[in-house]
């Protein structure tokens, strides 16, 4: 049996010196100018094909910069799917390159559907023979926690993981996630704690393969949620360009320093908008900014 994802993530974080992931959100308008020239002025299928080629080139360079510096990469599926079938092929290639670089791959798709559909999502995104073969997947639980269970067998058998939306910090999130007493986010957290306690999903460190998405600016709630989910990894988006700090992102960490995985995307992938990088400069630029993020997280811990 493959080592549980939660344990593999703990080891990866120790190896690079801090718990850090980078979101791979290839905003076309932020790609290097020499890559944008390849799809500028095109439309339809020709645009999608050329833009997908540019995304793969950018992803390869960015991953080279991240290699050995961060624990995981989080491709945002929507940016790839927007380019149609060439974009899906680009996503598959990006996941392959990330694995080759030794990075854990968190597929950010936020899937959520009934059991039979969830099982298909699991095969597509997490199974080793699937097209993405990711190490973990983000999922949405708000159709009911029974939509989580179809993923659990693959997670246990193949050392895969889940990050379930629990407390996001987008402007409208509290209307649902704070509803009720206890809050809906706390109800979801309690269910995840039960699922994640399965011994097949827990490694020697006590970290489970069933984790939660908890936004960086929900740092006060993160402490409460930690008490409800003592073994869960928290995937913590919102660091960097979205305004969250490393200290906020680590608010839900355990006393041993494990449990919170801050994620930055644009602030690592791209330089300031008035300092353009060419494709040849991407690996060095991403590597430098990733190292700065790791140092900030290590200092905050």
C-alpha atoms as a PDB file:
ATOM      1  CA  UNK A   1       0.000   0.000   0.000  1.00  0.00           C
ATOM      2  CA  UNK A   2       1.278   3.471  -0.880  1.00  0.00           C
ATOM      3  CA  UNK A   3       2.145   5.767   2.006  1.00  0.00           C
ATOM      4  CA  UNK A   4      -0.820   8.011   2.952  1.00  0.00           C
ATOM      5  CA  UNK A   5      -0.915  11.378   1.223  1.00  0.00           C
ATOM      6  CA  UNK A   6      -0.950  13.286   4.508  1.00  0.00           C
ATOM      7  CA  UNK A   7       2.333  11.669   5.473  1.00  0.00           C
ATOM      8  CA  UNK A   8       3.886  12.216   2.040  1.00  0.00           C
ATOM      9  CA  UNK A   9       2.961  15.886   2.298  1.00  0.00           C
ATOM     10  CA  UNK A  10       4.514  16.141   5.755  1.00  0.00           C
ATOM     11  CA  UNK A  11       7.764  14.658   4.435  1.00  0.00           C
ATOM     12  CA  UNK A  12       7.790  16.966   1.411  1.00  0.00           C
ATOM     13  CA  UNK A  13       7.356  20.017   3.652  1.00  0.00           C
ATOM     14  CA  UNK A  14      10.212  18.918   5.877  1.00  0.00           C
ATOM     15  CA  UNK A  15      12.431  18.382   2.838  1.00  0.00           C
ATOM     16  CA  UNK A  16      12.009  21.930   1.503  1.00  0.00           C
ATOM     17  CA  UNK A  17      12.105  23.523   4.942  1.00  0.00           C
ATOM     18  CA  UNK A  18       8.565  24.884   5.237  1.00  0.00           C
ATOM     19  CA  UNK A  19       4.992  23.948   4.290  1.00  0.00           C
ATOM     20  CA  UNK A  20       4.479  25.784   1.001  1.00  0.00           C
ATOM     21  CA  UNK A  21       2.526  25.156  -2.205  1.00  0.00           C
ATOM     22  CA  UNK A  22       2.300  27.280  -5.340  1.00  0.00           C
ATOM     23  CA  UNK A  23      -0.917  27.643  -7.291  1.00  0.00           C
ATOM     24  CA  UNK A  24      -0.443  27.258 -11.014  1.00  0.00           C
ATOM     25  CA  UNK A  25      -2.985  29.702 -12.454  1.00  0.00           C
ATOM     26  CA  UNK A  26      -1.761  30.530 -15.973  1.00  0.00           C
ATOM     27  CA  UNK A  27      -3.475  33.863 -16.572  1.00  0.00           C
ATOM     28  CA  UNK A  28      -2.911  34.377 -20.289  1.00  0.00           C
ATOM     29  CA  UNK A  29      -2.573  38.146 -19.956  1.00  0.00           C
ATOM     30  CA  UNK A  30       0.267  37.680 -17.450  1.00  0.00           C
ATOM     31  CA  UNK A  31       2.342  35.239 -19.507  1.00  0.00           C
ATOM     32  CA  UNK A  32       5.711  36.471 -20.791  1.00  0.00           C
ATOM     33  CA  UNK A  33       5.374  38.765 -23.829  1.00  0.00           C
ATOM     34  CA  UNK A  34       7.275  36.365 -26.065  1.00  0.00           C
ATOM     35  CA  UNK A  35       4.709  33.660 -25.266  1.00  0.00           C
ATOM     36  CA  UNK A  36       1.719  35.965 -25.727  1.00  0.00           C
ATOM     37  CA  UNK A  37       2.972  36.772 -29.228  1.00  0.00           C
ATOM     38  CA  UNK A  38       2.230  33.181 -30.181  1.00  0.00           C
ATOM     39  CA  UNK A  39      -1.529  33.525 -29.744  1.00  0.00           C
ATOM     40  CA  UNK A  40      -2.076  37.258 -30.136  1.00  0.00           C
ATOM     41  CA  UNK A  41      -4.545  38.100 -32.897  1.00  0.00           C
ATOM     42  CA  UNK A  42      -5.833  34.551 -33.232  1.00  0.00           C
ATOM     43  CA  UNK A  43      -9.376  33.380 -32.564  1.00  0.00           C
ATOM     44  CA  UNK A  44     -11.346  30.201 -32.074  1.00  0.00           C
ATOM     45  CA  UNK A  45      -9.586  26.855 -32.306  1.00  0.00           C
ATOM     46  CA  UNK A  46      -6.346  28.432 -33.545  1.00  0.00           C
ATOM     47  CA  UNK A  47      -6.240  30.680 -30.475  1.00  0.00           C
ATOM     48  CA  UNK A  48      -6.965  27.840 -28.056  1.00  0.00           C
ATOM     49  CA  UNK A  49      -4.280  25.619 -29.564  1.00  0.00           C
ATOM     50  CA  UNK A  50      -1.601  28.330 -29.581  1.00  0.00           C
ATOM     51  CA  UNK A  51      -2.522  29.522 -26.077  1.00  0.00           C
ATOM     52  CA  UNK A  52      -2.356  25.960 -24.745  1.00  0.00           C
ATOM     53  CA  UNK A  53       1.133  25.602 -26.218  1.00  0.00           C
ATOM     54  CA  UNK A  54       2.130  28.808 -24.451  1.00  0.00           C
ATOM     55  CA  UNK A  55       0.700  27.558 -21.160  1.00  0.00           C
ATOM     56  CA  UNK A  56       2.703  24.328 -21.382  1.00  0.00           C
ATOM     57  CA  UNK A  57       5.900  26.268 -22.108  1.00  0.00           C
ATOM     58  CA  UNK A  58       5.240  28.605 -19.194  1.00  0.00           C
ATOM     59  CA  UNK A  59       4.313  25.755 -16.848  1.00  0.00           C
ATOM     60  CA  UNK A  60       7.477  23.861 -17.709  1.00  0.00           C
ATOM     61  CA  UNK A  61       9.640  26.880 -16.908  1.00  0.00           C
ATOM     62  CA  UNK A  62       7.721  27.685 -13.712  1.00  0.00           C
ATOM     63  CA  UNK A  63       7.957  24.095 -12.498  1.00  0.00           C
ATOM     64  CA  UNK A  64      11.694  24.122 -13.115  1.00  0.00           C
ATOM     65  CA  UNK A  65      11.889  27.115 -10.794  1.00  0.00           C
ATOM     66  CA  UNK A  66       9.773  25.415  -8.117  1.00  0.00           C
ATOM     67  CA  UNK A  67      11.646  22.097  -8.188  1.00  0.00           C
ATOM     68  CA  UNK A  68      13.247  21.387  -4.841  1.00  0.00           C
ATOM     69  CA  UNK A  69      11.943  24.643  -3.373  1.00  0.00           C
ATOM     70  CA  UNK A  70       8.278  23.950  -2.560  1.00  0.00           C
ATOM     71  CA  UNK A  71       6.350  20.893  -1.468  1.00  0.00           C
ATOM     72  CA  UNK A  72       3.462  20.973  -3.917  1.00  0.00           C
ATOM     73  CA  UNK A  73       1.956  22.653  -6.926  1.00  0.00           C
ATOM     74  CA  UNK A  74      -1.765  23.348  -7.344  1.00  0.00           C
ATOM     75  CA  UNK A  75      -2.895  23.581 -10.983  1.00  0.00           C
ATOM     76  CA  UNK A  76      -6.206  25.451 -11.246  1.00  0.00           C
ATOM     77  CA  UNK A  77      -8.215  23.354 -13.688  1.00  0.00           C
ATOM     78  CA  UNK A  78     -10.444  26.189 -14.938  1.00  0.00           C
ATOM     79  CA  UNK A  79      -7.583  28.031 -16.632  1.00  0.00           C
ATOM     80  CA  UNK A  80      -6.802  24.928 -18.655  1.00  0.00           C
ATOM     81  CA  UNK A  81     -10.395  23.893 -19.420  1.00  0.00           C
ATOM     82  CA  UNK A  82     -11.063  27.379 -20.802  1.00  0.00           C
ATOM     83  CA  UNK A  83      -8.831  26.400 -23.738  1.00  0.00           C
ATOM     84  CA  UNK A  84     -10.902  23.361 -24.682  1.00  0.00           C
ATOM     85  CA  UNK A  85      -9.309  20.056 -25.626  1.00  0.00           C
ATOM     86  CA  UNK A  86      -5.842  21.607 -26.148  1.00  0.00           C
ATOM     87  CA  UNK A  87      -6.125  23.038 -22.649  1.00  0.00           C
ATOM     88  CA  UNK A  88      -7.056  19.678 -21.147  1.00  0.00           C
ATOM     89  CA  UNK A  89      -4.044  18.155 -22.900  1.00  0.00           C
ATOM     90  CA  UNK A  90      -1.947  21.002 -21.472  1.00  0.00           C
ATOM     91  CA  UNK A  91      -3.245  20.184 -17.978  1.00  0.00           C
ATOM     92  CA  UNK A  92      -2.300  16.526 -18.372  1.00  0.00           C
ATOM     93  CA  UNK A  93       1.184  17.525 -19.535  1.00  0.00           C
ATOM     94  CA  UNK A  94       1.531  20.025 -16.693  1.00  0.00           C
ATOM     95  CA  UNK A  95       0.650  17.378 -14.105  1.00  0.00           C
ATOM     96  CA  UNK A  96       3.127  14.989 -15.715  1.00  0.00           C
ATOM     97  CA  UNK A  97       5.909  17.577 -15.635  1.00  0.00           C
ATOM     98  CA  UNK A  98       5.147  18.410 -12.004  1.00  0.00           C
ATOM     99  CA  UNK A  99       5.397  14.762 -10.974  1.00  0.00           C
ATOM    100  CA  UNK A 100       8.647  14.461 -12.927  1.00  0.00           C
ATOM    101  CA  UNK A 101       9.966  17.468 -10.980  1.00  0.00           C
ATOM    102  CA  UNK A 102       9.219  15.667  -7.709  1.00  0.00           C
ATOM    103  CA  UNK A 103       6.363  17.967  -6.731  1.00  0.00           C
ATOM    104  CA  UNK A 104       3.125  16.771  -5.191  1.00  0.00           C
ATOM    105  CA  UNK A 105       0.201  17.692  -7.445  1.00  0.00           C
ATOM    106  CA  UNK A 106      -2.984  19.112  -5.901  1.00  0.00           C
ATOM    107  CA  UNK A 107      -5.622  19.248  -8.635  1.00  0.00           C
ATOM    108  CA  UNK A 108      -7.718  22.329  -7.882  1.00  0.00           C
ATOM    109  CA  UNK A 109     -11.062  21.458  -9.456  1.00  0.00           C
ATOM    110  CA  UNK A 110     -13.513  21.770  -6.522  1.00  0.00           C
ATOM    111  CA  UNK A 111     -15.596  18.871  -7.779  1.00  0.00           C
ATOM    112  CA  UNK A 112     -18.841  17.991  -6.016  1.00  0.00           C
ATOM    113  CA  UNK A 113     -21.553  15.621  -7.210  1.00  0.00           C
ATOM    114  CA  UNK A 114     -23.495  12.429  -6.471  1.00  0.00           C
ATOM    115  CA  UNK A 115     -21.720   9.162  -5.797  1.00  0.00           C
ATOM    116  CA  UNK A 116     -21.478   7.703  -9.312  1.00  0.00           C
ATOM    117  CA  UNK A 117     -20.238  10.992 -10.757  1.00  0.00           C
ATOM    118  CA  UNK A 118     -17.832  11.493  -7.864  1.00  0.00           C
ATOM    119  CA  UNK A 119     -16.375   8.042  -8.547  1.00  0.00           C
ATOM    120  CA  UNK A 120     -15.706   9.097 -12.140  1.00  0.00           C
ATOM    121  CA  UNK A 121     -14.073  12.322 -10.952  1.00  0.00           C
ATOM    122  CA  UNK A 122     -11.893  10.268  -8.630  1.00  0.00           C
ATOM    123  CA  UNK A 123     -10.720   8.007 -11.455  1.00  0.00           C
ATOM    124  CA  UNK A 124      -9.985  10.983 -13.696  1.00  0.00           C
ATOM    125  CA  UNK A 125      -8.089  13.076 -11.186  1.00  0.00           C
ATOM    126  CA  UNK A 126      -6.583  10.782  -8.534  1.00  0.00           C
ATOM    127  CA  UNK A 127      -6.176   7.237  -9.812  1.00  0.00           C
ATOM    128  CA  UNK A 128      -2.583   6.449 -10.880  1.00  0.00           C
ATOM    129  CA  UNK A 129      -3.890   5.282 -14.259  1.00  0.00           C
ATOM    130  CA  UNK A 130      -6.080   8.364 -14.721  1.00  0.00           C
ATOM    131  CA  UNK A 131      -5.209  11.207 -17.090  1.00  0.00           C
ATOM    132  CA  UNK A 132      -4.125  13.574 -14.294  1.00  0.00           C
ATOM    133  CA  UNK A 133      -2.909  11.109 -11.641  1.00  0.00           C
ATOM    134  CA  UNK A 134      -2.910  13.882  -9.064  1.00  0.00           C
ATOM    135  CA  UNK A 135      -1.815  13.408  -5.478  1.00  0.00           C
ATOM    136  CA  UNK A 136      -4.815  15.294  -4.101  1.00  0.00           C
ATOM    137  CA  UNK A 137      -8.013  16.970  -5.270  1.00  0.00           C
ATOM    138  CA  UNK A 138     -10.106  19.866  -4.011  1.00  0.00           C
ATOM    139  CA  UNK A 139     -13.789  19.003  -3.629  1.00  0.00           C
ATOM    140  CA  UNK A 140     -16.995  20.790  -2.623  1.00  0.00           C
ATOM    141  CA  UNK A 141     -19.183  19.085   0.024  1.00  0.00           C
ATOM    142  CA  UNK A 142     -22.376  21.105  -0.139  1.00  0.00           C
ATOM    143  CA  UNK A 143     -24.487  18.431  -1.877  1.00  0.00           C
ATOM    144  CA  UNK A 144     -23.895  16.379   1.263  1.00  0.00           C
ATOM    145  CA  UNK A 145     -20.975  14.616   2.841  1.00  0.00           C
ATOM    146  CA  UNK A 146     -21.972  11.357   1.123  1.00  0.00           C
ATOM    147  CA  UNK A 147     -20.439  12.909  -2.009  1.00  0.00           C
ATOM    148  CA  UNK A 148     -17.015  12.607  -0.302  1.00  0.00           C
ATOM    149  CA  UNK A 149     -17.121   8.863   0.303  1.00  0.00           C
ATOM    150  CA  UNK A 150     -16.539   7.710  -3.326  1.00  0.00           C
ATOM    151  CA  UNK A 151     -13.040   9.202  -3.139  1.00  0.00           C
ATOM    152  CA  UNK A 152     -11.997   7.465   0.050  1.00  0.00           C
ATOM    153  CA  UNK A 153     -11.122   4.044  -1.375  1.00  0.00           C
ATOM    154  CA  UNK A 154      -8.770   5.521  -3.976  1.00  0.00           C
ATOM    155  CA  UNK A 155      -7.250   7.755  -1.306  1.00  0.00           C
ATOM    156  CA  UNK A 156      -6.620   4.780   0.977  1.00  0.00           C
ATOM    157  CA  UNK A 157      -5.417   2.352  -1.682  1.00  0.00           C
ATOM    158  CA  UNK A 158      -3.211   4.711  -3.698  1.00  0.00           C
ATOM    159  CA  UNK A 159      -2.035   7.250  -1.123  1.00  0.00           C
ATOM    160  CA  UNK A 160      -4.128  10.089  -2.493  1.00  0.00           C
ATOM    161  CA  UNK A 161      -5.733  12.966  -0.610  1.00  0.00           C
ATOM    162  CA  UNK A 162      -8.654  15.384  -0.547  1.00  0.00           C
ATOM    163  CA  UNK A 163      -8.968  19.023   0.409  1.00  0.00           C
ATOM    164  CA  UNK A 164     -12.627  19.717   1.115  1.00  0.00           C
ATOM    165  CA  UNK A 165     -14.034  23.266   1.091  1.00  0.00           C
ATOM    166  CA  UNK A 166     -14.737  24.127   4.702  1.00  0.00           C
ATOM    167  CA  UNK A 167     -14.103  27.856   5.248  1.00  0.00           C
ATOM    168  CA  UNK A 168     -13.402  29.920   2.192  1.00  0.00           C
ATOM    169  CA  UNK A 169     -13.052  33.678   2.403  1.00  0.00           C
ATOM    170  CA  UNK A 170     -14.637  34.953  -0.798  1.00  0.00           C
ATOM    171  CA  UNK A 171     -17.071  37.813  -0.075  1.00  0.00           C
ATOM    172  CA  UNK A 172     -20.258  35.744  -0.061  1.00  0.00           C
ATOM    173  CA  UNK A 173     -18.914  32.688   1.753  1.00  0.00           C
ATOM    174  CA  UNK A 174     -20.198  33.456   5.243  1.00  0.00           C
ATOM    175  CA  UNK A 175     -23.839  33.455   4.115  1.00  0.00           C
ATOM    176  CA  UNK A 176     -23.668  29.663   3.849  1.00  0.00           C
ATOM    177  CA  UNK A 177     -20.611  28.671   5.835  1.00  0.00           C
ATOM    178  CA  UNK A 178     -21.667  30.587   8.969  1.00  0.00           C
ATOM    179  CA  UNK A 179     -25.280  29.457   8.753  1.00  0.00           C
ATOM    180  CA  UNK A 180     -26.798  27.600  11.690  1.00  0.00           C
ATOM    181  CA  UNK A 181     -25.626  26.553  15.127  1.00  0.00           C
ATOM    182  CA  UNK A 182     -23.200  24.903  14.948  1.00  0.00           C
ATOM    183  CA  UNK A 183     -22.104  26.675  11.769  1.00  0.00           C
ATOM    184  CA  UNK A 184     -22.306  24.707   8.541  1.00  0.00           C
ATOM    185  CA  UNK A 185     -18.524  24.915   8.192  1.00  0.00           C
ATOM    186  CA  UNK A 186     -18.203  23.241  11.594  1.00  0.00           C
ATOM    187  CA  UNK A 187     -20.650  20.497  10.621  1.00  0.00           C
ATOM    188  CA  UNK A 188     -18.548  19.773   7.541  1.00  0.00           C
ATOM    189  CA  UNK A 189     -15.387  19.839   9.651  1.00  0.00           C
ATOM    190  CA  UNK A 190     -16.816  17.260  12.064  1.00  0.00           C
ATOM    191  CA  UNK A 191     -17.721  14.943   9.188  1.00  0.00           C
ATOM    192  CA  UNK A 192     -14.238  15.246   7.701  1.00  0.00           C
ATOM    193  CA  UNK A 193     -12.676  14.443  11.060  1.00  0.00           C
ATOM    194  CA  UNK A 194     -14.653  11.199  11.149  1.00  0.00           C
ATOM    195  CA  UNK A 195     -13.699  10.233   7.601  1.00  0.00           C
ATOM    196  CA  UNK A 196     -10.101  11.229   8.090  1.00  0.00           C
ATOM    197  CA  UNK A 197      -9.632   9.153  11.239  1.00  0.00           C
ATOM    198  CA  UNK A 198      -9.623   5.915   9.204  1.00  0.00           C
ATOM    199  CA  UNK A 199      -6.228   4.293   9.994  1.00  0.00           C
ATOM    200  CA  UNK A 200      -5.709   3.624   6.283  1.00  0.00           C
ATOM    201  CA  UNK A 201      -5.649   7.391   5.736  1.00  0.00           C
ATOM    202  CA  UNK A 202      -3.347   8.391   8.603  1.00  0.00           C
ATOM    203  CA  UNK A 203       0.452   8.282   8.648  1.00  0.00           C
ATOM    204  CA  UNK A 204       3.011   8.059  11.436  1.00  0.00           C
ATOM    205  CA  UNK A 205       2.899  11.808  12.033  1.00  0.00           C
ATOM    206  CA  UNK A 206      -0.824  11.610  12.745  1.00  0.00           C
ATOM    207  CA  UNK A 207      -1.657  13.695   9.684  1.00  0.00           C
ATOM    208  CA  UNK A 208      -4.670  12.498   7.706  1.00  0.00           C
ATOM    209  CA  UNK A 209      -5.075  12.383   3.947  1.00  0.00           C
ATOM    210  CA  UNK A 210      -8.473  14.078   4.273  1.00  0.00           C
ATOM    211  CA  UNK A 211      -7.899  17.794   4.628  1.00  0.00           C
ATOM    212  CA  UNK A 212      -9.770  21.075   4.452  1.00  0.00           C
ATOM    213  CA  UNK A 213      -9.594  24.312   2.490  1.00  0.00           C
ATOM    214  CA  UNK A 214      -9.430  27.185   4.986  1.00  0.00           C
ATOM    215  CA  UNK A 215      -8.688  30.659   3.615  1.00  0.00           C
ATOM    216  CA  UNK A 216      -5.800  32.667   5.038  1.00  0.00           C
ATOM    217  CA  UNK A 217      -7.970  35.544   6.245  1.00  0.00           C
ATOM    218  CA  UNK A 218     -10.082  33.133   8.338  1.00  0.00           C
ATOM    219  CA  UNK A 219      -7.162  32.794  10.742  1.00  0.00           C
ATOM    220  CA  UNK A 220      -9.255  33.101  13.911  1.00  0.00           C
ATOM    221  CA  UNK A 221     -11.676  30.416  12.749  1.00  0.00           C
ATOM    222  CA  UNK A 222      -8.758  28.225  11.711  1.00  0.00           C
ATOM    223  CA  UNK A 223      -7.868  27.711  15.367  1.00  0.00           C
ATOM    224  CA  UNK A 224     -11.397  26.526  16.158  1.00  0.00           C
ATOM    225  CA  UNK A 225     -11.452  24.280  13.114  1.00  0.00           C
ATOM    226  CA  UNK A 226      -8.107  22.768  14.149  1.00  0.00           C
ATOM    227  CA  UNK A 227      -9.679  21.639  17.400  1.00  0.00           C
ATOM    228  CA  UNK A 228     -12.424  19.915  15.405  1.00  0.00           C
ATOM    229  CA  UNK A 229     -10.005  18.387  12.868  1.00  0.00           C
ATOM    230  CA  UNK A 230      -6.821  17.606  14.800  1.00  0.00           C
ATOM    231  CA  UNK A 231      -5.263  15.470  12.059  1.00  0.00           C
ATOM    232  CA  UNK A 232      -6.292  17.377   8.942  1.00  0.00           C
ATOM    233  CA  UNK A 233      -4.038  19.299   6.609  1.00  0.00           C
ATOM    234  CA  UNK A 234      -5.433  22.776   5.925  1.00  0.00           C
ATOM    235  CA  UNK A 235      -4.879  24.000   2.385  1.00  0.00           C
ATOM    236  CA  UNK A 236      -4.654  27.765   2.898  1.00  0.00           C
ATOM    237  CA  UNK A 237      -5.124  29.913  -0.218  1.00  0.00           C
ATOM    238  CA  UNK A 238      -5.040  33.678  -0.214  1.00  0.00           C
ATOM    239  CA  UNK A 239      -1.380  34.346   0.577  1.00  0.00           C
ATOM    240  CA  UNK A 240       0.420  37.039  -1.409  1.00  0.00           C
ATOM    241  CA  UNK A 241      -1.569  38.802  -4.126  1.00  0.00           C
ATOM    242  CA  UNK A 242      -4.860  38.196  -2.284  1.00  0.00           C
ATOM    243  CA  UNK A 243      -3.539  39.905   0.826  1.00  0.00           C
ATOM    244  CA  UNK A 244      -3.082  37.046   3.271  1.00  0.00           C
ATOM    245  CA  UNK A 245       0.118  36.859   5.299  1.00  0.00           C
ATOM    246  CA  UNK A 246       2.266  33.855   6.146  1.00  0.00           C
ATOM    247  CA  UNK A 247       1.412  34.284   9.834  1.00  0.00           C
ATOM    248  CA  UNK A 248      -2.317  34.240   9.085  1.00  0.00           C
ATOM    249  CA  UNK A 249      -1.893  31.180   6.896  1.00  0.00           C
ATOM    250  CA  UNK A 250      -0.191  29.255   9.697  1.00  0.00           C
ATOM    251  CA  UNK A 251      -2.838  30.084  12.318  1.00  0.00           C
ATOM    252  CA  UNK A 252      -4.391  26.636  11.997  1.00  0.00           C
ATOM    253  CA  UNK A 253      -1.134  24.683  12.231  1.00  0.00           C
ATOM    254  CA  UNK A 254      -0.590  22.109  14.937  1.00  0.00           C
ATOM    255  CA  UNK A 255       1.868  22.683  17.752  1.00  0.00           C
ATOM    256  CA  UNK A 256       4.462  20.582  15.897  1.00  0.00           C
ATOM    257  CA  UNK A 257       4.270  22.926  12.897  1.00  0.00           C
ATOM    258  CA  UNK A 258       2.398  20.512  10.652  1.00  0.00           C
ATOM    259  CA  UNK A 259      -1.123  20.892   9.337  1.00  0.00           C
ATOM    260  CA  UNK A 260      -1.230  24.219   7.464  1.00  0.00           C
ATOM    261  CA  UNK A 261      -0.138  24.449   3.818  1.00  0.00           C
ATOM    262  CA  UNK A 262      -0.062  28.088   2.645  1.00  0.00           C
ATOM    263  CA  UNK A 263      -0.612  28.613  -1.078  1.00  0.00           C
ATOM    264  CA  UNK A 264       0.482  31.581  -3.157  1.00  0.00           C
ATOM    265  CA  UNK A 265      -0.155  31.845  -6.881  1.00  0.00           C
ATOM    266  CA  UNK A 266       0.250  35.132  -8.742  1.00  0.00           C
ATOM    267  CA  UNK A 267       2.826  36.550  -6.332  1.00  0.00           C
ATOM    268  CA  UNK A 268       5.141  33.628  -7.134  1.00  0.00           C
ATOM    269  CA  UNK A 269       4.271  32.929 -10.761  1.00  0.00           C
ATOM    270  CA  UNK A 270       4.538  36.470 -12.052  1.00  0.00           C
ATOM    271  CA  UNK A 271       6.787  39.466 -11.462  1.00  0.00           C
ATOM    272  CA  UNK A 272       5.318  42.915 -10.799  1.00  0.00           C
ATOM    273  CA  UNK A 273       3.401  44.047 -13.865  1.00  0.00           C
ATOM    274  CA  UNK A 274       5.943  46.763 -14.635  1.00  0.00           C
ATOM    275  CA  UNK A 275       8.823  44.237 -14.647  1.00  0.00           C
ATOM    276  CA  UNK A 276       8.075  41.784 -17.475  1.00  0.00           C
ATOM    277  CA  UNK A 277       9.958  38.502 -17.716  1.00  0.00           C
ATOM    278  CA  UNK A 278      10.779  36.619 -20.883  1.00  0.00           C
ATOM    279  CA  UNK A 279      10.293  32.862 -20.999  1.00  0.00           C
ATOM    280  CA  UNK A 280      14.023  32.359 -20.446  1.00  0.00           C
ATOM    281  CA  UNK A 281      13.752  34.328 -17.199  1.00  0.00           C
ATOM    282  CA  UNK A 282      10.699  32.525 -15.763  1.00  0.00           C
ATOM    283  CA  UNK A 283      12.494  29.657 -14.011  1.00  0.00           C
ATOM    284  CA  UNK A 284      14.901  31.971 -12.182  1.00  0.00           C
ATOM    285  CA  UNK A 285      12.157  34.457 -11.321  1.00  0.00           C
ATOM    286  CA  UNK A 286       9.729  31.844 -10.034  1.00  0.00           C
ATOM    287  CA  UNK A 287      12.522  30.120  -8.147  1.00  0.00           C
ATOM    288  CA  UNK A 288      13.558  33.346  -6.438  1.00  0.00           C
ATOM    289  CA  UNK A 289      10.007  34.290  -5.465  1.00  0.00           C
ATOM    290  CA  UNK A 290       9.274  30.739  -4.275  1.00  0.00           C
ATOM    291  CA  UNK A 291      12.378  30.808  -2.075  1.00  0.00           C
ATOM    292  CA  UNK A 292      11.243  34.132  -0.622  1.00  0.00           C
ATOM    293  CA  UNK A 293       7.839  32.631   0.191  1.00  0.00           C
ATOM    294  CA  UNK A 294       9.424  29.603   1.852  1.00  0.00           C
ATOM    295  CA  UNK A 295      11.639  31.883   3.924  1.00  0.00           C
ATOM    296  CA  UNK A 296       8.640  33.994   4.994  1.00  0.00           C
ATOM    297  CA  UNK A 297       6.625  30.929   6.003  1.00  0.00           C
ATOM    298  CA  UNK A 298       9.583  29.417   7.867  1.00  0.00           C
ATOM    299  CA  UNK A 299      10.092  32.682   9.755  1.00  0.00           C
ATOM    300  CA  UNK A 300       6.397  32.969  10.604  1.00  0.00           C
ATOM    301  CA  UNK A 301       6.342  29.421  11.944  1.00  0.00           C
END
